[in-house]
Amino acid sequence: MNQQHDEEREAQSVGLAVSDNWPRTLHYRLVRELRRVLEQGDEDREESVEDLPLEAEALLLDAMRERATDIHIDASSSGILVRLRVDGRILDGALLAEREGLRLINQFKAMARLNIERRFTPEESRISYVLQDQTIDMRLTYAPTLHGHKLSIRIFQPLEDVLYLQELGLHEQGLEQIQEWIDNISGMLLVAGPTGSGKTTTLYSLLHKLKLQQRNVVTIEDPVEYEIDGINHIQVDLRHGLDFASGVKAMLRLDPDYLMLGEIREAASARAAITAATSGRALMGTLHSRDAVGVIDTLRNYDLSGQDISSTLVLVIAQRLVRKLCPHCRVETEPDESAQNWLEKLGRRPPSRVWRAEGCEQCHNTGYHGRTGIFELWRIDPQEYQLLLEGADRRTLYRRLNDRRHRFLIDDGLEKVAEGVTSLTELQAMGGLSTLPHIDML
């Protein structure tokens, strides 16, 4: 207890507020490095301590250890707040006095070779930074705000952590359907979901699998998030006239077996995807959609006809990310009344047993540790191709899938709830869980 009070007093002496709810590793490292800056003189150094990115490097190490995907440094009326995004949730990290916060922001801007003096203009940079024998890939985005500063740092997952499809949470049947698409080397595979649902990770896992099968794979991306040896990556460059449409034309001349279109985000890239998929190559890409059937609505909104869609689309992977229950403290329980009512509206029954988050030292008292995917795979069959050709609406497609006992997002999620992988609370929070009974109520 005395040690905790000593840490708090030490933190406050250098302008750092501390709370028991904030990750201890973060405030401890910041305190240590800030204290080091203040106590260590410059006399014996060729380089001034003031010029060394001690706090920024300490924060990066803590973020890596906490498995953070983003660091947010935000000016507020009470100081400069440091926060981490861990398992999809924002966690408070530290509240810095303005002087210490500006030092931290300037250190990161200097790392990224951004202009420290330019405080009223948004800036962005992507860098690779070597720290303690590991390379950290980051994208830094700076913007002025009402209270002064906003710096967001995206930390890209190490490539070796995103390579294997079987580790993403896909069920066995889903893995078999993906392998079938790979073996056929034709048609279009689309990965669908909202921002932050893990679509890029799934695509890069697919790329790695294709690389191992000794295929010629070409991608066009904006931006290229990971570089895989043996894969031909093309970066969109609008300043030099290289957009998705012209990039696809170039890709088709490179004798590819598989093409990857990073994101289908408007009519031009959708038309480019159709052009590639009808050329005898296999194409994969991502787009925004709440579920598998919603992909059809999105493609139609991009002015694609039923003929375009039915002649190219082979497999849809819809997905979400949910937090995994901490295995050290999860507690078996019964579903509450609100969860039962929610499932009843979706035409589903709760599992015979469920688990809830409790919280312990292992998970920083959050009850969760890590994330996994919830998946829906739609392998379009001949009857569904005909429905697409005829322009069938969403309700008709849901009814068809329901009749053939299709595995919707909710079904994969409930299986993971029953296995104790995640909680009903997480499943409810992720959204996009349409089923036929739900659609019929709309």
Protein backbone atom coordinates (compact mmCIF):
# COMPACT_ATOMS: atom_id res chain seq x y z
CA MET A 1 0.00 0.00 0.00
CA ASN A 2 2.84 2.38 0.92
CA GLN A 3 4.57 1.55 -2.36
CA GLN A 4 1.42 2.52 -4.26
CA HIS A 5 1.22 5.87 -2.42
CA ASP A 6 4.91 6.49 -3.11
CA GLU A 7 4.32 5.85 -6.83
CA GLU A 8 1.37 8.24 -6.85
CA ARG A 9 3.34 11.00 -5.13
CA GLU A 10 6.25 10.45 -7.52
CA ALA A 11 3.92 10.61 -10.51
CA GLN A 12 2.22 13.80 -9.34
CA SER A 13 5.60 15.46 -8.79
CA VAL A 14 6.27 15.29 -12.55
CA GLY A 15 2.74 16.16 -13.65
CA LEU A 16 1.36 12.63 -14.10
CA ALA A 17 -1.96 11.66 -12.54
CA VAL A 18 -2.40 8.01 -11.56
CA SER A 19 -5.46 5.86 -10.98
CA ASP A 20 -5.81 2.24 -9.87
CA ASN A 21 -8.04 1.67 -12.92
CA TRP A 22 -5.29 2.60 -15.36
CA PRO A 23 -2.78 0.01 -16.60
CA ARG A 24 -0.03 -0.10 -13.97
CA THR A 25 2.67 -0.95 -16.48
CA LEU A 26 1.95 2.24 -18.39
CA HIS A 27 2.12 4.75 -15.55
CA TYR A 28 5.09 2.97 -13.99
CA ARG A 29 7.16 3.22 -17.18
CA LEU A 30 6.15 6.82 -17.82
CA VAL A 31 7.06 7.77 -14.26
CA ARG A 32 10.40 6.02 -14.51
CA GLU A 33 11.36 7.62 -17.80
CA LEU A 34 10.10 11.06 -16.81
CA ARG A 35 12.04 10.82 -13.56
CA ARG A 36 15.10 9.73 -15.52
CA VAL A 37 14.83 12.82 -17.73
CA LEU A 38 14.52 15.12 -14.73
CA GLU A 39 17.25 13.58 -12.57
CA GLN A 40 19.89 12.82 -15.17
CA GLY A 41 22.11 15.73 -16.12
CA ASP A 42 23.32 16.59 -19.59
CA GLU A 43 26.96 17.25 -18.68
CA ASP A 44 28.42 13.90 -19.74
CA ARG A 45 26.32 13.54 -22.89
CA GLU A 46 27.10 14.53 -26.43
CA GLU A 47 23.33 14.66 -27.05
CA SER A 48 20.98 16.59 -24.78
CA VAL A 49 18.58 14.49 -22.72
CA GLU A 50 15.88 16.89 -23.82
CA ASP A 51 16.36 15.65 -27.41
CA LEU A 52 16.00 11.94 -26.58
CA PRO A 53 12.57 10.34 -27.10
CA LEU A 54 12.62 8.62 -23.70
CA GLU A 55 8.94 9.05 -22.86
CA ALA A 56 7.78 8.16 -26.37
CA GLU A 57 9.87 4.99 -26.42
CA ALA A 58 8.63 4.00 -22.94
CA LEU A 59 5.04 4.49 -24.05
CA LEU A 60 5.62 2.42 -27.18
CA LEU A 61 7.06 -0.44 -25.13
CA ASP A 62 4.08 -0.36 -22.79
CA ALA A 63 1.66 -0.26 -25.71
CA MET A 64 3.32 -3.29 -27.26
CA ARG A 65 3.26 -5.17 -23.98
CA GLU A 66 -0.40 -4.32 -23.43
CA ARG A 67 -1.21 -5.48 -27.01
CA ALA A 68 -2.54 -2.02 -27.86
CA THR A 69 -3.51 -1.30 -31.47
CA ASP A 70 -3.65 2.48 -31.01
CA ILE A 71 -2.23 5.19 -28.78
CA HIS A 72 -4.26 8.39 -28.37
CA ILE A 73 -2.71 11.57 -26.97
CA ASP A 74 -5.45 14.16 -26.52
CA ALA A 75 -5.45 17.70 -25.17
CA SER A 76 -8.27 18.40 -22.73
CA SER A 77 -9.28 21.15 -20.30
CA SER A 78 -7.57 19.25 -17.45
CA GLY A 79 -4.32 18.33 -19.22
CA ILE A 80 -3.11 15.97 -21.91
CA LEU A 81 -4.65 12.51 -21.71
CA VAL A 82 -2.82 9.39 -22.88
CA ARG A 83 -5.05 6.43 -23.75
CA LEU A 84 -4.57 2.98 -25.27
CA ARG A 85 -6.95 0.94 -27.39
CA VAL A 86 -6.70 -2.65 -26.15
CA ASP A 87 -9.01 -5.40 -27.45
CA GLY A 88 -11.11 -2.76 -29.17
CA ARG A 89 -11.72 -0.69 -26.03
CA ILE A 90 -10.14 2.64 -25.05
CA LEU A 91 -8.30 2.50 -21.69
CA ASP A 92 -7.07 5.57 -19.85
CA GLY A 93 -3.31 5.56 -19.47
CA ALA A 94 -2.15 8.81 -17.88
CA LEU A 95 -3.05 12.47 -17.46
CA LEU A 96 -0.04 14.67 -18.18
CA ALA A 97 0.64 18.28 -17.40
CA GLU A 98 0.72 20.35 -20.60
CA ARG A 99 4.52 20.66 -20.61
CA GLU A 100 5.06 16.91 -20.32
CA GLY A 101 2.31 16.16 -22.82
CA LEU A 102 3.73 18.51 -25.43
CA ARG A 103 7.15 16.94 -24.97
CA LEU A 104 5.61 13.52 -25.66
CA ILE A 105 3.75 14.75 -28.76
CA ASN A 106 6.86 16.46 -30.12
CA GLN A 107 8.95 13.33 -29.58
CA PHE A 108 6.52 11.28 -31.66
CA LYS A 109 6.33 13.97 -34.35
CA ALA A 110 10.13 14.06 -34.51
CA MET A 111 10.22 10.26 -34.86
CA ALA A 112 7.89 10.56 -37.86
CA ARG A 113 9.76 13.55 -39.30
CA LEU A 114 6.70 15.74 -38.94
CA ASN A 115 7.13 19.48 -38.49
CA ILE A 116 7.08 20.16 -34.73
CA GLU A 117 6.34 23.85 -35.28
CA ARG A 118 3.31 23.16 -37.46
CA ARG A 119 0.53 22.99 -34.87
CA PHE A 120 -2.49 24.14 -36.84
CA THR A 121 -2.28 21.82 -39.85
CA PRO A 122 -3.26 18.11 -39.93
CA GLU A 123 -0.32 15.84 -40.76
CA GLU A 124 0.16 12.11 -41.28
CA SER A 125 3.18 9.84 -41.60
CA ARG A 126 3.93 6.12 -41.63
CA ILE A 127 7.22 4.93 -40.17
CA SER A 128 9.13 1.88 -39.02
CA TYR A 129 10.91 2.50 -35.73
CA VAL A 130 13.52 0.16 -34.26
CA LEU A 131 13.29 -0.14 -30.49
CA GLN A 132 15.07 -2.75 -28.39
CA ASP A 133 15.81 -4.95 -31.40
CA GLN A 134 12.21 -4.97 -32.64
CA THR A 135 10.77 -3.00 -35.53
CA ILE A 136 7.50 -1.21 -34.80
CA ASP A 137 5.42 -0.15 -37.80
CA MET A 138 3.26 2.88 -37.02
CA ARG A 139 0.99 5.40 -38.68
CA LEU A 140 0.91 8.77 -36.91
CA THR A 141 -1.89 11.27 -37.50
CA TYR A 142 -1.82 14.73 -35.95
CA ALA A 143 -4.65 17.26 -35.93
CA PRO A 144 -5.36 20.51 -34.05
CA THR A 145 -8.42 20.38 -31.77
CA LEU A 146 -10.44 22.78 -29.63
CA HIS A 147 -8.07 22.30 -26.68
CA GLY A 148 -4.89 22.19 -28.75
CA HIS A 149 -3.58 18.81 -29.91
CA LYS A 150 -4.63 15.35 -31.01
CA LEU A 151 -2.10 12.67 -31.92
CA SER A 152 -3.27 9.20 -32.92
CA ILE A 153 -0.75 6.40 -33.39
CA ARG A 154 -1.83 3.16 -35.08
CA ILE A 155 0.50 0.28 -34.23
CA PHE A 156 0.44 -2.35 -36.93
CA GLN A 157 0.41 -5.92 -35.76
CA PRO A 158 3.65 -7.83 -36.44
CA LEU A 159 3.22 -9.72 -39.70
CA GLU A 160 3.99 -13.08 -38.10
CA ASP A 161 0.91 -12.63 -35.88
CA VAL A 162 -1.59 -12.47 -38.76
CA LEU A 163 -0.57 -15.36 -40.96
CA TYR A 164 -2.72 -18.39 -40.19
CA LEU A 165 -6.42 -18.63 -41.03
CA GLN A 166 -7.08 -21.34 -38.45
CA GLU A 167 -6.06 -18.95 -35.67
CA LEU A 168 -8.65 -16.30 -36.57
CA GLY A 169 -11.64 -18.15 -35.13
CA LEU A 170 -12.95 -19.73 -38.35
CA HIS A 171 -14.82 -23.00 -37.91
CA GLU A 172 -13.80 -26.13 -39.79
CA GLN A 173 -16.51 -25.87 -42.45
CA GLY A 174 -15.50 -22.27 -43.14
CA LEU A 175 -11.87 -23.25 -43.61
CA GLU A 176 -12.96 -25.95 -46.07
CA GLN A 177 -15.03 -23.45 -48.08
CA ILE A 178 -12.08 -21.08 -48.30
CA GLN A 179 -9.80 -23.90 -49.43
CA GLU A 180 -12.33 -24.85 -52.11
CA TRP A 181 -12.26 -21.29 -53.48
CA ILE A 182 -8.45 -21.34 -53.46
CA ASP A 183 -8.32 -24.66 -55.32
CA ASN A 184 -10.74 -23.50 -58.05
CA ILE A 185 -8.73 -20.31 -58.82
CA SER A 186 -11.77 -18.43 -60.11
CA GLY A 187 -14.50 -16.07 -59.00
CA MET A 188 -14.69 -13.40 -56.36
CA LEU A 189 -14.26 -13.77 -52.59
CA LEU A 190 -15.34 -10.76 -50.52
CA VAL A 191 -14.61 -10.12 -46.84
CA ALA A 192 -17.29 -7.91 -45.31
CA GLY A 193 -17.73 -6.05 -42.06
CA PRO A 194 -17.57 -2.60 -40.49
CA THR A 195 -14.36 -0.68 -39.83
CA GLY A 196 -12.23 -2.45 -37.23
CA SER A 197 -13.78 -5.88 -37.73
CA GLY A 198 -10.54 -7.60 -38.79
CA LYS A 199 -11.12 -7.69 -42.56
CA THR A 200 -7.53 -6.74 -43.41
CA THR A 201 -6.15 -9.41 -41.08
CA THR A 202 -8.29 -12.04 -42.82
CA LEU A 203 -7.12 -10.89 -46.26
CA TYR A 204 -3.46 -11.00 -45.30
CA SER A 205 -3.93 -14.45 -43.80
CA LEU A 206 -5.33 -15.50 -47.17
CA LEU A 207 -2.37 -13.92 -48.95
CA HIS A 208 0.05 -15.86 -46.81
CA LYS A 209 -1.77 -19.12 -47.54
CA LEU A 210 -1.63 -18.39 -51.28
CA LYS A 211 2.08 -17.61 -51.05
CA LEU A 212 2.72 -21.02 -49.49
CA GLN A 213 0.93 -22.64 -52.46
CA GLN A 214 3.39 -21.05 -54.90
CA ARG A 215 0.88 -18.93 -56.79
CA ASN A 216 1.43 -15.60 -58.51
CA VAL A 217 -0.46 -13.08 -56.38
CA VAL A 218 -0.79 -9.36 -57.14
CA THR A 219 -2.47 -6.79 -54.89
CA ILE A 220 -3.52 -3.17 -55.24
CA GLU A 221 -4.00 -1.41 -51.92
CA ASP A 222 -4.48 2.01 -50.36
CA PRO A 223 -2.35 1.83 -48.33
CA VAL A 224 -0.19 -1.31 -48.35
CA GLU A 225 -0.39 -2.25 -44.67
CA TYR A 226 1.95 -5.25 -44.69
CA GLU A 227 4.57 -6.35 -47.19
CA ILE A 228 4.77 -10.11 -47.69
CA ASP A 229 7.79 -11.53 -49.51
CA GLY A 230 6.68 -13.30 -52.68
CA ILE A 231 3.51 -11.18 -53.05
CA ASN A 232 3.46 -8.34 -55.62
CA HIS A 233 2.06 -5.27 -53.84
CA ILE A 234 0.91 -2.22 -55.81
CA GLN A 235 0.28 1.03 -53.91
CA VAL A 236 -2.50 3.36 -55.12
CA ASP A 237 -0.91 6.67 -56.14
CA LEU A 238 -3.53 9.19 -57.22
CA ARG A 239 -0.94 11.93 -57.80
CA HIS A 240 0.50 9.84 -60.63
CA GLY A 241 -2.84 8.59 -61.95
CA LEU A 242 -2.72 5.13 -60.38
CA ASP A 243 -6.15 4.40 -58.94
CA PHE A 244 -7.93 1.08 -58.36
CA ALA A 245 -9.34 0.93 -61.89
CA SER A 246 -6.04 1.56 -63.68
CA GLY A 247 -4.25 -0.62 -61.14
CA VAL A 248 -6.48 -3.58 -61.96
CA LYS A 249 -5.68 -3.18 -65.65
CA ALA A 250 -1.98 -3.30 -64.81
CA MET A 251 -2.48 -6.30 -62.53
CA LEU A 252 -4.15 -8.31 -65.29
CA ARG A 253 -1.03 -7.95 -67.46
CA LEU A 254 1.18 -9.50 -64.76
CA ASP A 255 -0.01 -13.08 -65.33
CA PRO A 256 -1.63 -13.37 -61.88
CA ASP A 257 -3.40 -16.40 -60.44
CA TYR A 258 -5.01 -14.34 -57.70
CA LEU A 259 -5.73 -10.64 -57.39
CA MET A 260 -6.41 -8.68 -54.22
CA LEU A 261 -8.30 -5.39 -54.28
CA GLY A 262 -7.73 -3.82 -50.86
CA GLU A 263 -11.15 -2.21 -50.50
CA ILE A 264 -14.17 -1.83 -52.76
CA ARG A 265 -15.39 1.58 -51.68
CA GLU A 266 -17.17 3.09 -54.67
CA ALA A 267 -18.62 2.27 -58.11
CA ALA A 268 -15.28 2.54 -59.94
CA SER A 269 -13.48 0.00 -57.74
CA ALA A 270 -16.55 -2.28 -57.80
CA ARG A 271 -16.53 -2.25 -61.60
CA ALA A 272 -12.77 -2.90 -61.58
CA ALA A 273 -13.36 -5.93 -59.34
CA ILE A 274 -15.95 -7.33 -61.75
CA THR A 275 -13.58 -6.79 -64.68
CA ALA A 276 -10.87 -8.75 -62.90
CA ALA A 277 -13.17 -11.55 -61.74
CA THR A 278 -14.57 -12.09 -65.24
CA SER A 279 -11.08 -12.35 -66.74
CA GLY A 280 -10.55 -15.89 -65.49
CA ARG A 281 -8.66 -14.91 -62.34
CA ALA A 282 -9.62 -15.29 -58.71
CA LEU A 283 -10.14 -11.99 -56.92
CA MET A 284 -10.51 -11.13 -53.25
CA GLY A 285 -11.33 -7.84 -51.61
CA THR A 286 -13.11 -6.15 -48.73
CA LEU A 287 -16.15 -3.94 -48.42
CA HIS A 288 -18.37 -2.51 -45.71
CA SER A 289 -21.49 -4.52 -44.93
CA ARG A 290 -23.29 -5.62 -41.76
CA ASP A 291 -23.53 -9.28 -42.83
CA ALA A 292 -23.18 -11.62 -45.81
CA VAL A 293 -26.51 -10.80 -47.49
CA GLY A 294 -25.81 -7.09 -47.01
CA VAL A 295 -22.92 -7.46 -49.47
CA ILE A 296 -25.48 -7.79 -52.26
CA ASP A 297 -27.13 -4.49 -51.33
CA THR A 298 -23.72 -2.79 -51.22
CA LEU A 299 -22.75 -4.08 -54.66
CA ARG A 300 -26.11 -3.03 -56.10
CA ASN A 301 -25.58 0.44 -54.64
CA TYR A 302 -22.36 0.52 -56.66
CA ASP A 303 -24.42 0.11 -59.85
CA LEU A 304 -23.64 -3.58 -60.39
CA SER A 305 -26.36 -5.63 -62.05
CA GLY A 306 -27.68 -9.02 -61.05
CA GLN A 307 -25.72 -10.45 -63.98
CA ASP A 308 -22.50 -8.81 -62.75
CA ILE A 309 -22.91 -10.20 -59.25
CA SER A 310 -24.19 -13.67 -60.06
CA SER A 311 -21.48 -14.31 -62.67
CA THR A 312 -18.58 -13.45 -60.35
CA LEU A 313 -19.38 -13.74 -56.64
CA VAL A 314 -18.44 -17.14 -55.19
CA LEU A 315 -17.86 -16.73 -51.45
CA VAL A 316 -18.63 -14.06 -48.85
CA ILE A 317 -16.94 -13.92 -45.45
CA ALA A 318 -18.78 -11.60 -43.05
CA GLN A 319 -17.09 -11.01 -39.74
CA ARG A 320 -16.90 -9.14 -36.45
CA LEU A 321 -14.39 -9.05 -33.60
CA VAL A 322 -15.32 -9.78 -29.99
CA ARG A 323 -13.24 -9.83 -26.85
CA LYS A 324 -12.28 -13.22 -25.44
CA LEU A 325 -13.09 -13.97 -21.83
CA CYS A 326 -10.10 -14.12 -19.53
CA PRO A 327 -9.60 -17.86 -18.86
CA HIS A 328 -8.26 -17.11 -15.37
CA CYS A 329 -11.39 -15.46 -14.00
CA ARG A 330 -14.42 -16.18 -16.22
CA VAL A 331 -17.48 -17.32 -14.25
CA GLU A 332 -20.16 -19.75 -15.40
CA THR A 333 -23.63 -18.25 -15.07
CA GLU A 334 -27.14 -18.24 -16.53
CA PRO A 335 -28.33 -15.85 -19.24
CA ASP A 336 -30.31 -12.95 -17.80
CA GLU A 337 -33.82 -12.05 -18.90
CA SER A 338 -32.76 -9.27 -21.28
CA ALA A 339 -30.37 -11.62 -23.11
CA GLN A 340 -33.08 -14.27 -23.39
CA ASN A 341 -35.55 -11.73 -24.81
CA TRP A 342 -32.93 -10.51 -27.28
CA LEU A 343 -32.22 -14.04 -28.50
CA GLU A 344 -35.93 -14.80 -28.76
CA LYS A 345 -36.36 -11.89 -31.17
CA LEU A 346 -33.59 -13.40 -33.28
CA GLY A 347 -35.25 -16.81 -33.23
CA ARG A 348 -32.50 -18.37 -31.14
CA ARG A 349 -32.27 -20.06 -27.76
CA PRO A 350 -29.52 -19.30 -25.26
CA PRO A 351 -26.84 -21.98 -24.79
CA SER A 352 -27.31 -24.39 -21.90
CA ARG A 353 -24.43 -22.66 -20.15
CA VAL A 354 -22.85 -19.26 -20.58
CA TRP A 355 -19.95 -17.40 -19.01
CA ARG A 356 -19.50 -13.84 -17.81
CA ALA A 357 -16.50 -11.58 -17.28
CA GLU A 358 -15.27 -11.21 -13.71
CA GLY A 359 -11.86 -9.48 -13.70
CA CYS A 360 -8.49 -10.31 -12.16
CA GLU A 361 -4.87 -9.15 -12.18
CA GLN A 362 -4.18 -11.18 -15.34
CA CYS A 363 -6.64 -9.08 -17.38
CA HIS A 364 -6.30 -5.72 -15.57
CA ASN A 365 -9.73 -6.38 -14.04
CA THR A 366 -11.47 -6.11 -17.42
CA GLY A 367 -12.55 -9.77 -17.53
CA TYR A 368 -11.26 -10.09 -21.09
CA HIS A 369 -7.95 -10.83 -22.79
CA GLY A 370 -7.48 -10.81 -26.56
CA ARG A 371 -10.03 -10.94 -29.38
CA THR A 372 -11.38 -13.50 -31.79
CA GLY A 373 -13.50 -13.42 -34.91
CA ILE A 374 -17.20 -14.18 -35.30
CA PHE A 375 -17.74 -15.40 -38.86
CA GLU A 376 -20.47 -16.04 -41.40
CA LEU A 377 -19.47 -17.74 -44.66
CA TRP A 378 -21.87 -17.75 -47.58
CA ARG A 379 -20.94 -20.15 -50.38
CA ILE A 380 -23.46 -19.22 -53.06
CA ASP A 381 -25.25 -22.22 -54.55
CA PRO A 382 -27.00 -22.53 -57.97
CA GLN A 383 -30.44 -21.59 -56.62
CA GLU A 384 -29.02 -18.47 -55.00
CA TYR A 385 -27.21 -17.53 -58.21
CA GLN A 386 -30.59 -17.58 -59.91
CA LEU A 387 -32.10 -15.40 -57.19
CA LEU A 388 -29.27 -12.89 -57.60
CA LEU A 389 -29.75 -12.87 -61.36
CA GLU A 390 -33.43 -12.13 -60.84
CA GLY A 391 -32.68 -9.29 -58.42
CA ALA A 392 -34.16 -10.97 -55.33
CA ASP A 393 -34.52 -8.65 -52.34
CA ARG A 394 -32.87 -9.06 -48.96
CA ARG A 395 -35.83 -10.79 -47.28
CA THR A 396 -36.00 -13.40 -50.06
CA LEU A 397 -32.29 -14.13 -49.72
CA TYR A 398 -32.56 -14.44 -45.93
CA ARG A 399 -35.48 -16.84 -46.31
CA ARG A 400 -33.51 -18.98 -48.74
CA LEU A 401 -30.50 -19.12 -46.40
CA ASN A 402 -32.71 -19.88 -43.43
CA ASP A 403 -34.37 -22.76 -45.31
CA ARG A 404 -31.03 -24.41 -45.97
CA ARG A 405 -29.90 -23.96 -42.33
CA HIS A 406 -27.26 -21.41 -43.15
CA ARG A 407 -24.89 -20.53 -40.30
CA PHE A 408 -25.41 -16.82 -39.60
CA LEU A 409 -23.14 -14.56 -37.53
CA ILE A 410 -25.36 -15.11 -34.48
CA ASP A 411 -24.94 -18.89 -34.75
CA ASP A 412 -21.15 -18.74 -34.80
CA GLY A 413 -21.27 -16.28 -31.91
CA LEU A 414 -23.54 -18.47 -29.78
CA GLU A 415 -21.24 -21.44 -30.35
CA LYS A 416 -18.31 -19.41 -29.03
CA VAL A 417 -20.45 -18.30 -26.06
CA ALA A 418 -21.27 -21.92 -25.23
CA GLU A 419 -17.57 -22.80 -25.42
CA GLY A 420 -16.70 -20.04 -22.96
CA VAL A 421 -14.68 -18.13 -25.55
CA THR A 422 -16.74 -14.95 -25.21
CA SER A 423 -19.82 -13.65 -23.40
CA LEU A 424 -23.41 -12.89 -24.38
CA THR A 425 -22.68 -9.27 -23.48
CA GLU A 426 -19.97 -9.11 -26.15
CA LEU A 427 -22.24 -10.77 -28.67
CA GLN A 428 -25.01 -8.24 -28.06
CA ALA A 429 -22.57 -5.34 -28.32
CA MET A 430 -21.12 -6.30 -31.70
CA GLY A 431 -24.33 -5.63 -33.68
CA GLY A 432 -25.25 -6.71 -37.21
CA LEU A 433 -26.87 -9.98 -36.13
CA SER A 434 -29.71 -10.24 -38.62
CA THR A 435 -31.75 -13.44 -38.94
CA LEU A 436 -34.98 -14.23 -40.78
CA PRO A 437 -37.26 -13.59 -37.74
CA HIS A 438 -35.51 -10.27 -37.21
CA ILE A 439 -35.87 -9.30 -40.87
CA ASP A 440 -39.55 -10.27 -40.87
CA MET A 441 -40.15 -7.78 -38.05
CA LEU A 442 -38.67 -4.86 -40.01
